[in-house]
Amino acid sequence: MSVSELIEPITGKSGAVSLSAASSWRQGRTMYGGATALIAYTHAIRAFPDLPPLRAAQIGFVAPVSEEVELTAQIMRQGRNVIQVRSEIHCDGGLALTAFMLFGTEREPNALYPGSPPQPMPGPPESYEEMDLGKSLTFLSHNYEMRKAQDVSGPGEPIVRRWFRLKERNVLDPISTIILLGDTMPPGAMRTLQRRGPISSINWSINLLDPAPTTRDGWWLGETRSDGADHGYSSERLSMWNTDGVQAASGLQSVAIFG
């Protein structure tokens, strides 16, 4: 089922919601983190439709999310330029996701410094073969097209790069698209694993560099880079660029590595 069907039941009113499309976004015992973050974001902007653009979000993946949830959203503080909103998902009687979001109006720029381009810039997505996602996570094969964006594979420097896009495009607004896609990538630490084992996102912090990002044909370049992995965890630095190499988002994430 599509992403449009996933968010269709969300009205912005706090309370119980049945997410009939949740099964097609499942990742093990829970929904994929980007999809649950999108649910929380969609609830917030539908609860408070006059919010300025999203600038940053801090998201905690607390417990599994299934079809039957309760959604809440609350404005924590409204300043002259920035509105801070807490949006949460409850499931099976407990907190499953908590998101603290910062929405801000545009100011006259003072600091000017563009986001860093990818180093090196890979070839366009069309120059790489499409990845076979049939044996991968079901939500990926149902909803994504994905291509490698690096010529290396296997053990090595803990960096993973992919071109990816949604099969269903022109449905979400640009920021919703970035939120949904931003947690797609496997961790860079995957390339340092000594043995196979499950991997799970614990939290996610994302900064939006452009309130209305655009790209060609829906393609985005994602990169995960481990800052250090040990003791069953990895600190991951996340980046997203459009097809011209213009950075749209940056983030930081803690990942649990089992096995």
C-alpha atoms as a PDB file:
ATOM      1  CA  MET A   1       0.000   0.000   0.000  1.00  0.00           C
ATOM      2  CA  SER A   2       1.240   3.486  -0.861  1.00  0.00           C
ATOM      3  CA  VAL A   3       2.530   6.313   1.260  1.00  0.00           C
ATOM      4  CA  SER A   4      -0.572   8.357   0.439  1.00  0.00           C
ATOM      5  CA  GLU A   5      -2.705   5.559   1.943  1.00  0.00           C
ATOM      6  CA  LEU A   6      -0.425   5.456   4.988  1.00  0.00           C
ATOM      7  CA  ILE A   7      -1.035   9.076   5.986  1.00  0.00           C
ATOM      8  CA  GLU A   8      -4.631   9.403   4.727  1.00  0.00           C
ATOM      9  CA  PRO A   9      -6.233   8.458   8.109  1.00  0.00           C
ATOM     10  CA  ILE A  10      -4.303  11.212   9.953  1.00  0.00           C
ATOM     11  CA  THR A  11      -6.638  14.154  10.596  1.00  0.00           C
ATOM     12  CA  GLY A  12      -4.648  16.209  13.100  1.00  0.00           C
ATOM     13  CA  LYS A  13      -7.090  15.396  15.886  1.00  0.00           C
ATOM     14  CA  SER A  14      -5.467  13.709  18.879  1.00  0.00           C
ATOM     15  CA  GLY A  15      -6.695  10.217  19.637  1.00  0.00           C
ATOM     16  CA  ALA A  16      -6.914   6.729  18.190  1.00  0.00           C
ATOM     17  CA  VAL A  17      -6.000   6.180  14.524  1.00  0.00           C
ATOM     18  CA  SER A  18      -6.022   2.958  12.504  1.00  0.00           C
ATOM     19  CA  LEU A  19      -3.160   2.877   9.984  1.00  0.00           C
ATOM     20  CA  SER A  20      -4.421   0.325   7.477  1.00  0.00           C
ATOM     21  CA  ALA A  21      -1.291   0.648   5.301  1.00  0.00           C
ATOM     22  CA  ALA A  22       1.171   0.064   8.147  1.00  0.00           C
ATOM     23  CA  SER A  23       1.934  -3.528   7.110  1.00  0.00           C
ATOM     24  CA  SER A  24       3.566  -2.457   3.833  1.00  0.00           C
ATOM     25  CA  TRP A  25       6.026  -0.297   5.800  1.00  0.00           C
ATOM     26  CA  ARG A  26       6.960  -2.961   8.304  1.00  0.00           C
ATOM     27  CA  GLN A  27      10.575  -3.539   9.361  1.00  0.00           C
ATOM     28  CA  GLY A  28      10.728  -6.544  11.657  1.00  0.00           C
ATOM     29  CA  ARG A  29       8.481  -6.014  14.694  1.00  0.00           C
ATOM     30  CA  THR A  30       7.797  -2.366  13.925  1.00  0.00           C
ATOM     31  CA  MET A  31       7.229   0.086  11.108  1.00  0.00           C
ATOM     32  CA  TYR A  32      10.235   1.584   9.335  1.00  0.00           C
ATOM     33  CA  GLY A  33      11.506   4.619  11.256  1.00  0.00           C
ATOM     34  CA  GLY A  34      11.109   7.117   8.417  1.00  0.00           C
ATOM     35  CA  ALA A  35       7.450   6.133   8.057  1.00  0.00           C
ATOM     36  CA  THR A  36       6.745   6.574  11.775  1.00  0.00           C
ATOM     37  CA  ALA A  37       8.556   9.937  11.726  1.00  0.00           C
ATOM     38  CA  LEU A  38       6.390  10.955   8.762  1.00  0.00           C
ATOM     39  CA  ILE A  39       3.253   9.988  10.711  1.00  0.00           C
ATOM     40  CA  ALA A  40       4.304  12.207  13.625  1.00  0.00           C
ATOM     41  CA  TYR A  41       5.191  15.091  11.293  1.00  0.00           C
ATOM     42  CA  THR A  42       1.946  14.774   9.312  1.00  0.00           C
ATOM     43  CA  HIS A  43      -0.082  14.777  12.518  1.00  0.00           C
ATOM     44  CA  ALA A  44       1.707  17.932  13.693  1.00  0.00           C
ATOM     45  CA  ILE A  45       1.165  19.939  10.492  1.00  0.00           C
ATOM     46  CA  ARG A  46      -2.456  18.822  10.240  1.00  0.00           C
ATOM     47  CA  ALA A  47      -3.077  19.666  13.898  1.00  0.00           C
ATOM     48  CA  PHE A  48      -1.508  23.118  13.424  1.00  0.00           C
ATOM     49  CA  PRO A  49      -1.866  23.989   9.711  1.00  0.00           C
ATOM     50  CA  ASP A  50      -0.389  27.497  10.025  1.00  0.00           C
ATOM     51  CA  LEU A  51       3.073  26.325  11.106  1.00  0.00           C
ATOM     52  CA  PRO A  52       6.072  27.802   9.258  1.00  0.00           C
ATOM     53  CA  PRO A  53       8.487  25.388   7.520  1.00  0.00           C
ATOM     54  CA  LEU A  54      10.182  22.627   9.495  1.00  0.00           C
ATOM     55  CA  ARG A  55      13.822  23.428  10.273  1.00  0.00           C
ATOM     56  CA  ALA A  56      14.883  20.557  12.545  1.00  0.00           C
ATOM     57  CA  ALA A  57      13.564  17.534  14.408  1.00  0.00           C
ATOM     58  CA  GLN A  58      14.772  15.199  17.149  1.00  0.00           C
ATOM     59  CA  ILE A  59      13.095  11.815  17.094  1.00  0.00           C
ATOM     60  CA  GLY A  60      13.255   8.959  19.586  1.00  0.00           C
ATOM     61  CA  PHE A  61      12.229   5.489  18.432  1.00  0.00           C
ATOM     62  CA  VAL A  62      10.992   4.169  21.779  1.00  0.00           C
ATOM     63  CA  ALA A  63       8.963   1.019  21.039  1.00  0.00           C
ATOM     64  CA  PRO A  64       7.403  -0.894  18.112  1.00  0.00           C
ATOM     65  CA  VAL A  65       4.655   0.847  16.121  1.00  0.00           C
ATOM     66  CA  SER A  66       1.806  -1.201  14.627  1.00  0.00           C
ATOM     67  CA  GLU A  67      -1.513  -0.415  12.919  1.00  0.00           C
ATOM     68  CA  GLU A  68      -3.498   0.766  15.945  1.00  0.00           C
ATOM     69  CA  VAL A  69      -1.986   3.926  17.425  1.00  0.00           C
ATOM     70  CA  GLU A  70      -2.849   7.065  19.360  1.00  0.00           C
ATOM     71  CA  LEU A  71      -1.470  10.373  18.090  1.00  0.00           C
ATOM     72  CA  THR A  72      -0.900  13.536  20.101  1.00  0.00           C
ATOM     73  CA  ALA A  73       0.609  16.923  19.247  1.00  0.00           C
ATOM     74  CA  GLN A  74       1.225  19.970  21.415  1.00  0.00           C
ATOM     75  CA  ILE A  75       2.805  23.382  20.853  1.00  0.00           C
ATOM     76  CA  MET A  76       5.443  23.642  23.564  1.00  0.00           C
ATOM     77  CA  ARG A  77       6.511  27.217  22.851  1.00  0.00           C
ATOM     78  CA  GLN A  78       5.682  29.818  20.255  1.00  0.00           C
ATOM     79  CA  GLY A  79       8.251  32.560  19.833  1.00  0.00           C
ATOM     80  CA  ARG A  80       8.519  35.386  17.343  1.00  0.00           C
ATOM     81  CA  ASN A  81      10.190  33.204  14.699  1.00  0.00           C
ATOM     82  CA  VAL A  82      10.270  29.622  15.990  1.00  0.00           C
ATOM     83  CA  ILE A  83       7.457  27.306  17.079  1.00  0.00           C
ATOM     84  CA  GLN A  84       8.396  24.153  18.965  1.00  0.00           C
ATOM     85  CA  VAL A  85       6.018  21.202  18.703  1.00  0.00           C
ATOM     86  CA  ARG A  86       6.019  17.830  20.402  1.00  0.00           C
ATOM     87  CA  SER A  87       4.329  15.075  18.402  1.00  0.00           C
ATOM     88  CA  GLU A  88       4.046  11.539  19.778  1.00  0.00           C
ATOM     89  CA  ILE A  89       2.819   8.088  18.805  1.00  0.00           C
ATOM     90  CA  HIS A  90       1.446   5.755  21.470  1.00  0.00           C
ATOM     91  CA  CYS A  91       0.935   2.063  20.819  1.00  0.00           C
ATOM     92  CA  ASP A  92      -0.273  -0.805  23.044  1.00  0.00           C
ATOM     93  CA  GLY A  93      -0.744   1.603  25.931  1.00  0.00           C
ATOM     94  CA  GLY A  94       2.779   3.018  25.912  1.00  0.00           C
ATOM     95  CA  LEU A  95       4.933   5.625  24.194  1.00  0.00           C
ATOM     96  CA  ALA A  96       6.292   4.340  20.877  1.00  0.00           C
ATOM     97  CA  LEU A  97       7.775   7.485  19.267  1.00  0.00           C
ATOM     98  CA  THR A  98       8.446  10.980  20.492  1.00  0.00           C
ATOM     99  CA  ALA A  99       9.386  13.830  18.143  1.00  0.00           C
ATOM    100  CA  PHE A 100      10.411  17.357  19.075  1.00  0.00           C
ATOM    101  CA  MET A 101      10.115  19.572  15.996  1.00  0.00           C
ATOM    102  CA  LEU A 102      11.257  23.139  15.334  1.00  0.00           C
ATOM    103  CA  PHE A 103       9.322  25.158  12.776  1.00  0.00           C
ATOM    104  CA  GLY A 104      10.742  28.554  11.868  1.00  0.00           C
ATOM    105  CA  THR A 105       9.953  31.523   9.675  1.00  0.00           C
ATOM    106  CA  GLU A 106      12.614  32.714   7.259  1.00  0.00           C
ATOM    107  CA  ARG A 107      14.924  35.504   8.393  1.00  0.00           C
ATOM    108  CA  GLU A 108      17.081  37.926   6.433  1.00  0.00           C
ATOM    109  CA  PRO A 109      20.268  35.862   5.932  1.00  0.00           C
ATOM    110  CA  ASN A 110      23.360  36.878   7.834  1.00  0.00           C
ATOM    111  CA  ALA A 111      25.529  33.748   7.820  1.00  0.00           C
ATOM    112  CA  LEU A 112      25.916  32.394   4.288  1.00  0.00           C
ATOM    113  CA  TYR A 113      27.638  29.062   3.716  1.00  0.00           C
ATOM    114  CA  PRO A 114      26.327  26.309   1.427  1.00  0.00           C
ATOM    115  CA  GLY A 115      26.107  22.707   2.563  1.00  0.00           C
ATOM    116  CA  SER A 116      29.036  20.496   1.614  1.00  0.00           C
ATOM    117  CA  PRO A 117      28.755  18.628  -1.698  1.00  0.00           C
ATOM    118  CA  PRO A 118      29.376  14.860  -1.739  1.00  0.00           C
ATOM    119  CA  GLN A 119      33.049  13.921  -1.988  1.00  0.00           C
ATOM    120  CA  PRO A 120      33.449  12.577  -4.565  1.00  0.00           C
ATOM    121  CA  MET A 121      30.277  13.311  -6.501  1.00  0.00           C
ATOM    122  CA  PRO A 122      29.048   9.998  -7.933  1.00  0.00           C
ATOM    123  CA  GLY A 123      27.700   9.564 -11.430  1.00  0.00           C
ATOM    124  CA  PRO A 124      23.978  10.111 -12.024  1.00  0.00           C
ATOM    125  CA  PRO A 125      21.598   7.371 -10.853  1.00  0.00           C
ATOM    126  CA  GLU A 126      21.134   6.163 -14.415  1.00  0.00           C
ATOM    127  CA  SER A 127      24.820   5.185 -14.534  1.00  0.00           C
ATOM    128  CA  TYR A 128      24.383   2.570 -11.783  1.00  0.00           C
ATOM    129  CA  GLU A 129      22.505  -0.717 -11.920  1.00  0.00           C
ATOM    130  CA  GLU A 130      19.267  -0.991  -9.985  1.00  0.00           C
ATOM    131  CA  MET A 131      19.639  -2.923  -6.747  1.00  0.00           C
ATOM    132  CA  ASP A 132      17.636  -6.109  -6.304  1.00  0.00           C
ATOM    133  CA  LEU A 133      15.539  -5.448  -3.197  1.00  0.00           C
ATOM    134  CA  GLY A 134      13.471  -8.607  -3.482  1.00  0.00           C
ATOM    135  CA  LYS A 135      15.342 -10.365  -0.677  1.00  0.00           C
ATOM    136  CA  SER A 136      15.774  -7.200   1.330  1.00  0.00           C
ATOM    137  CA  LEU A 137      13.331  -5.497   3.681  1.00  0.00           C
ATOM    138  CA  THR A 138       9.803  -5.743   2.321  1.00  0.00           C
ATOM    139  CA  PHE A 139       9.024  -2.052   2.735  1.00  0.00           C
ATOM    140  CA  LEU A 140      11.992  -1.208   0.500  1.00  0.00           C
ATOM    141  CA  SER A 141      10.976  -3.499  -2.350  1.00  0.00           C
ATOM    142  CA  HIS A 142       7.354  -2.321  -2.171  1.00  0.00           C
ATOM    143  CA  ASN A 143       8.036   1.404  -2.060  1.00  0.00           C
ATOM    144  CA  TYR A 144      11.530   2.244  -3.345  1.00  0.00           C
ATOM    145  CA  GLU A 145      13.853   2.210  -6.303  1.00  0.00           C
ATOM    146  CA  MET A 146      17.478   2.072  -5.186  1.00  0.00           C
ATOM    147  CA  ARG A 147      20.883   2.095  -6.875  1.00  0.00           C
ATOM    148  CA  LYS A 148      24.393   1.974  -5.472  1.00  0.00           C
ATOM    149  CA  ALA A 149      26.301   5.265  -5.612  1.00  0.00           C
ATOM    150  CA  GLN A 150      29.761   3.916  -4.869  1.00  0.00           C
ATOM    151  CA  ASP A 151      31.967   1.442  -6.673  1.00  0.00           C
ATOM    152  CA  VAL A 152      33.198  -0.301  -3.523  1.00  0.00           C
ATOM    153  CA  SER A 153      31.419  -3.035  -1.588  1.00  0.00           C
ATOM    154  CA  GLY A 154      32.127  -5.413   1.260  1.00  0.00           C
ATOM    155  CA  PRO A 155      34.352  -4.636   4.274  1.00  0.00           C
ATOM    156  CA  GLY A 156      36.092  -1.281   4.286  1.00  0.00           C
ATOM    157  CA  GLU A 157      35.714   2.340   5.295  1.00  0.00           C
ATOM    158  CA  PRO A 158      32.362   2.664   7.137  1.00  0.00           C
ATOM    159  CA  ILE A 159      30.567   4.725   4.469  1.00  0.00           C
ATOM    160  CA  VAL A 160      27.483   3.634   2.526  1.00  0.00           C
ATOM    161  CA  ARG A 161      26.056   5.610  -0.408  1.00  0.00           C
ATOM    162  CA  ARG A 162      22.876   4.997  -2.364  1.00  0.00           C
ATOM    163  CA  TRP A 163      20.708   6.725  -4.935  1.00  0.00           C
ATOM    164  CA  PHE A 164      17.061   6.166  -4.020  1.00  0.00           C
ATOM    165  CA  ARG A 165      13.576   7.440  -4.749  1.00  0.00           C
ATOM    166  CA  LEU A 166       9.971   6.574  -4.013  1.00  0.00           C
ATOM    167  CA  LYS A 167       8.026   4.599  -6.587  1.00  0.00           C
ATOM    168  CA  GLU A 168       5.031   6.819  -5.769  1.00  0.00           C
ATOM    169  CA  ARG A 169       6.198  10.355  -6.476  1.00  0.00           C
ATOM    170  CA  ASN A 170       4.539  13.792  -6.543  1.00  0.00           C
ATOM    171  CA  VAL A 171       2.320  12.842  -3.597  1.00  0.00           C
ATOM    172  CA  LEU A 172       4.210  14.244  -0.611  1.00  0.00           C
ATOM    173  CA  ASP A 173       5.381  17.810  -0.113  1.00  0.00           C
ATOM    174  CA  PRO A 174       9.206  18.204  -0.251  1.00  0.00           C
ATOM    175  CA  ILE A 175       9.795  18.183   3.527  1.00  0.00           C
ATOM    176  CA  SER A 176       7.553  15.135   4.055  1.00  0.00           C
ATOM    177  CA  THR A 177       9.565  13.389   1.355  1.00  0.00           C
ATOM    178  CA  ILE A 178      12.869  14.154   3.088  1.00  0.00           C
ATOM    179  CA  ILE A 179      11.511  12.911   6.437  1.00  0.00           C
ATOM    180  CA  LEU A 180      10.235   9.676   4.923  1.00  0.00           C
ATOM    181  CA  LEU A 181      13.458   9.021   3.005  1.00  0.00           C
ATOM    182  CA  GLY A 182      15.954  10.325   5.556  1.00  0.00           C
ATOM    183  CA  ASP A 183      16.169   7.128   7.618  1.00  0.00           C
ATOM    184  CA  THR A 184      16.312   4.777   4.619  1.00  0.00           C
ATOM    185  CA  MET A 185      20.048   4.117   4.491  1.00  0.00           C
ATOM    186  CA  PRO A 186      21.758   1.226   6.287  1.00  0.00           C
ATOM    187  CA  PRO A 187      24.423   2.421   8.736  1.00  0.00           C
ATOM    188  CA  GLY A 188      27.957   2.968   7.513  1.00  0.00           C
ATOM    189  CA  ALA A 189      29.075   0.606  10.277  1.00  0.00           C
ATOM    190  CA  MET A 190      27.499  -2.197   8.220  1.00  0.00           C
ATOM    191  CA  ARG A 191      30.783  -2.350   6.301  1.00  0.00           C
ATOM    192  CA  THR A 192      32.704  -3.143   9.498  1.00  0.00           C
ATOM    193  CA  LEU A 193      30.481  -5.959  10.793  1.00  0.00           C
ATOM    194  CA  GLN A 194      32.388  -9.039  11.915  1.00  0.00           C
ATOM    195  CA  ARG A 195      29.257 -11.183  11.529  1.00  0.00           C
ATOM    196  CA  ARG A 196      25.697 -10.669  10.357  1.00  0.00           C
ATOM    197  CA  GLY A 197      23.146  -9.446  12.856  1.00  0.00           C
ATOM    198  CA  PRO A 198      20.089  -7.189  13.224  1.00  0.00           C
ATOM    199  CA  ILE A 199      20.484  -3.405  13.166  1.00  0.00           C
ATOM    200  CA  SER A 200      18.014  -0.959  14.718  1.00  0.00           C
ATOM    201  CA  SER A 201      17.759   2.854  14.805  1.00  0.00           C
ATOM    202  CA  ILE A 202      17.433   4.239  18.333  1.00  0.00           C
ATOM    203  CA  ASN A 203      17.107   7.940  17.622  1.00  0.00           C
ATOM    204  CA  TRP A 204      17.414  10.411  14.787  1.00  0.00           C
ATOM    205  CA  SER A 205      18.248  14.109  14.652  1.00  0.00           C
ATOM    206  CA  ILE A 206      17.703  15.875  11.323  1.00  0.00           C
ATOM    207  CA  ASN A 207      18.347  19.439  10.147  1.00  0.00           C
ATOM    208  CA  LEU A 208      16.715  20.763   6.976  1.00  0.00           C
ATOM    209  CA  LEU A 209      18.982  23.019   4.907  1.00  0.00           C
ATOM    210  CA  ASP A 210      16.242  24.063   2.474  1.00  0.00           C
ATOM    211  CA  PRO A 211      12.530  24.508   3.278  1.00  0.00           C
ATOM    212  CA  ALA A 212      11.564  23.512  -0.269  1.00  0.00           C
ATOM    213  CA  PRO A 213      14.178  21.072  -1.612  1.00  0.00           C
ATOM    214  CA  THR A 214      13.946  19.855  -5.188  1.00  0.00           C
ATOM    215  CA  THR A 215      15.672  17.190  -7.249  1.00  0.00           C
ATOM    216  CA  ARG A 216      15.484  15.557 -10.670  1.00  0.00           C
ATOM    217  CA  ASP A 217      12.977  12.717 -11.205  1.00  0.00           C
ATOM    218  CA  GLY A 218      12.638  12.118  -7.463  1.00  0.00           C
ATOM    219  CA  TRP A 219      16.222  10.844  -7.015  1.00  0.00           C
ATOM    220  CA  TRP A 220      18.131  11.605  -3.806  1.00  0.00           C
ATOM    221  CA  LEU A 221      21.676  10.679  -2.841  1.00  0.00           C
ATOM    222  CA  GLY A 222      22.019   9.370   0.707  1.00  0.00           C
ATOM    223  CA  GLU A 223      25.165   8.736   2.718  1.00  0.00           C
ATOM    224  CA  THR A 224      25.710   7.208   6.145  1.00  0.00           C
ATOM    225  CA  ARG A 225      29.117   7.485   7.767  1.00  0.00           C
ATOM    226  CA  SER A 226      30.035   5.929  11.101  1.00  0.00           C
ATOM    227  CA  ASP A 227      31.905   8.233  13.469  1.00  0.00           C
ATOM    228  CA  GLY A 228      32.731   5.222  15.634  1.00  0.00           C
ATOM    229  CA  ALA A 229      31.263   1.809  16.408  1.00  0.00           C
ATOM    230  CA  ASP A 230      31.831  -0.362  19.500  1.00  0.00           C
ATOM    231  CA  HIS A 231      30.026  -1.905  22.462  1.00  0.00           C
ATOM    232  CA  GLY A 232      27.017  -2.777  20.282  1.00  0.00           C
ATOM    233  CA  TYR A 233      26.323   0.765  19.015  1.00  0.00           C
ATOM    234  CA  SER A 234      27.365   3.080  16.194  1.00  0.00           C
ATOM    235  CA  SER A 235      27.221   6.861  15.937  1.00  0.00           C
ATOM    236  CA  GLU A 236      26.141   7.624  12.377  1.00  0.00           C
ATOM    237  CA  ARG A 237      26.349  10.871  10.425  1.00  0.00           C
ATOM    238  CA  LEU A 238      23.655  11.174   7.739  1.00  0.00           C
ATOM    239  CA  SER A 239      23.545  13.358   4.622  1.00  0.00           C
ATOM    240  CA  MET A 240      21.138  13.809   1.698  1.00  0.00           C
ATOM    241  CA  TRP A 241      21.823  15.620  -1.583  1.00  0.00           C
ATOM    242  CA  ASN A 242      19.832  16.243  -4.736  1.00  0.00           C
ATOM    243  CA  THR A 243      21.023  15.157  -8.189  1.00  0.00           C
ATOM    244  CA  ASP A 244      23.030  18.400  -8.546  1.00  0.00           C
ATOM    245  CA  GLY A 245      24.975  17.698  -5.357  1.00  0.00           C
ATOM    246  CA  VAL A 246      23.136  20.366  -3.312  1.00  0.00           C
ATOM    247  CA  GLN A 247      22.717  19.248   0.284  1.00  0.00           C
ATOM    248  CA  ALA A 248      19.114  19.113   1.486  1.00  0.00           C
ATOM    249  CA  ALA A 249      19.493  17.603   4.962  1.00  0.00           C
ATOM    250  CA  SER A 250      22.029  16.492   7.537  1.00  0.00           C
ATOM    251  CA  GLY A 251      21.557  14.355  10.588  1.00  0.00           C
ATOM    252  CA  LEU A 252      22.978  12.257  13.384  1.00  0.00           C
ATOM    253  CA  GLN A 253      21.776   8.897  14.589  1.00  0.00           C
ATOM    254  CA  SER A 254      22.531   6.262  17.195  1.00  0.00           C
ATOM    255  CA  VAL A 255      22.167   2.700  15.900  1.00  0.00           C
ATOM    256  CA  ALA A 256      22.059  -0.522  17.914  1.00  0.00           C
ATOM    257  CA  ILE A 257      24.064  -3.345  16.325  1.00  0.00           C
ATOM    258  CA  PHE A 258      23.177  -6.859  17.470  1.00  0.00           C
ATOM    259  CA  GLY A 259      24.684 -10.248  16.778  1.00  0.00           C
END
